[in-house]
Amino acid sequence: GILVFDHLIPDQYTELLESIKSTDRTLAEHEEETFGITHAELGKRFIE
């Protein structure tokens, strides 16, 4: 899922990754809030 995000929306995903460095929240929490889906869910959907 991370690779799919990085391929489809590289600028937005890089920005999200940079923003999580200064927070206690998880990557998945930020993805869900920002994109409405986590990398795990996206990866699962991608391979189905």
C-alpha atoms as a PDB file:
ATOM      1  CA  GLY A   1       0.000   0.000   0.000  1.00  0.00           C
ATOM      2  CA  ILE A   2       2.852   2.379   0.766  1.00  0.00           C
ATOM      3  CA  LEU A   3       4.285   1.782  -2.686  1.00  0.00           C
ATOM      4  CA  VAL A   4       0.882   2.381  -4.279  1.00  0.00           C
ATOM      5  CA  PHE A   5       0.463   5.677  -2.407  1.00  0.00           C
ATOM      6  CA  ASP A   6       4.002   6.695  -3.319  1.00  0.00           C
ATOM      7  CA  HIS A   7       3.460   5.843  -6.985  1.00  0.00           C
ATOM      8  CA  LEU A   8       0.024   7.453  -7.376  1.00  0.00           C
ATOM      9  CA  ILE A   9       0.397  10.552  -5.203  1.00  0.00           C
ATOM     10  CA  PRO A  10       4.117  10.951  -4.477  1.00  0.00           C
ATOM     11  CA  ASP A  11       4.078  14.612  -3.458  1.00  0.00           C
ATOM     12  CA  GLN A  12       1.121  14.288  -1.103  1.00  0.00           C
ATOM     13  CA  TYR A  13       2.458  11.076   0.429  1.00  0.00           C
ATOM     14  CA  THR A  14       5.921  12.545   0.987  1.00  0.00           C
ATOM     15  CA  GLU A  15       4.285  15.535   2.666  1.00  0.00           C
ATOM     16  CA  LEU A  16       2.276  13.209   4.913  1.00  0.00           C
ATOM     17  CA  LEU A  17       5.408  11.228   5.845  1.00  0.00           C
ATOM     18  CA  GLU A  18       7.219  14.444   6.756  1.00  0.00           C
ATOM     19  CA  SER A  19       4.288  15.656   8.857  1.00  0.00           C
ATOM     20  CA  ILE A  20       4.158  12.542  11.054  1.00  0.00           C
ATOM     21  CA  LYS A  21       7.676  13.101  12.377  1.00  0.00           C
ATOM     22  CA  SER A  22       6.379  15.702  14.821  1.00  0.00           C
ATOM     23  CA  THR A  23       3.406  13.773  16.221  1.00  0.00           C
ATOM     24  CA  ASP A  24       2.584  10.795  18.399  1.00  0.00           C
ATOM     25  CA  ARG A  25      -0.062   9.528  15.991  1.00  0.00           C
ATOM     26  CA  THR A  26       0.593   6.537  13.771  1.00  0.00           C
ATOM     27  CA  LEU A  27       1.145   6.526  10.042  1.00  0.00           C
ATOM     28  CA  ALA A  28      -2.143   4.668   9.595  1.00  0.00           C
ATOM     29  CA  GLU A  29      -4.033   7.308  11.584  1.00  0.00           C
ATOM     30  CA  HIS A  30      -2.638  10.070   9.385  1.00  0.00           C
ATOM     31  CA  GLU A  31      -3.396   8.140   6.189  1.00  0.00           C
ATOM     32  CA  GLU A  32      -6.975   7.471   7.261  1.00  0.00           C
ATOM     33  CA  GLU A  33      -7.533  11.125   8.142  1.00  0.00           C
ATOM     34  CA  THR A  34      -5.867  12.482   4.998  1.00  0.00           C
ATOM     35  CA  PHE A  35      -6.805   9.946   2.321  1.00  0.00           C
ATOM     36  CA  GLY A  36      -9.689   8.019   3.877  1.00  0.00           C
ATOM     37  CA  ILE A  37      -7.756   4.741   3.701  1.00  0.00           C
ATOM     38  CA  THR A  38      -4.616   3.255   5.256  1.00  0.00           C
ATOM     39  CA  HIS A  39      -1.710   1.778   3.338  1.00  0.00           C
ATOM     40  CA  ALA A  40      -2.652  -1.680   4.649  1.00  0.00           C
ATOM     41  CA  GLU A  41      -6.212  -1.379   3.336  1.00  0.00           C
ATOM     42  CA  LEU A  42      -4.981   0.036   0.028  1.00  0.00           C
ATOM     43  CA  GLY A  43      -2.495  -2.812  -0.395  1.00  0.00           C
ATOM     44  CA  LYS A  44      -5.201  -5.372   0.335  1.00  0.00           C
ATOM     45  CA  ARG A  45      -7.542  -3.824  -2.240  1.00  0.00           C
ATOM     46  CA  PHE A  46      -4.736  -3.595  -4.784  1.00  0.00           C
ATOM     47  CA  ILE A  47      -3.989  -7.336  -4.679  1.00  0.00           C
ATOM     48  CA  GLU A  48      -7.626  -8.468  -4.670  1.00  0.00           C
END
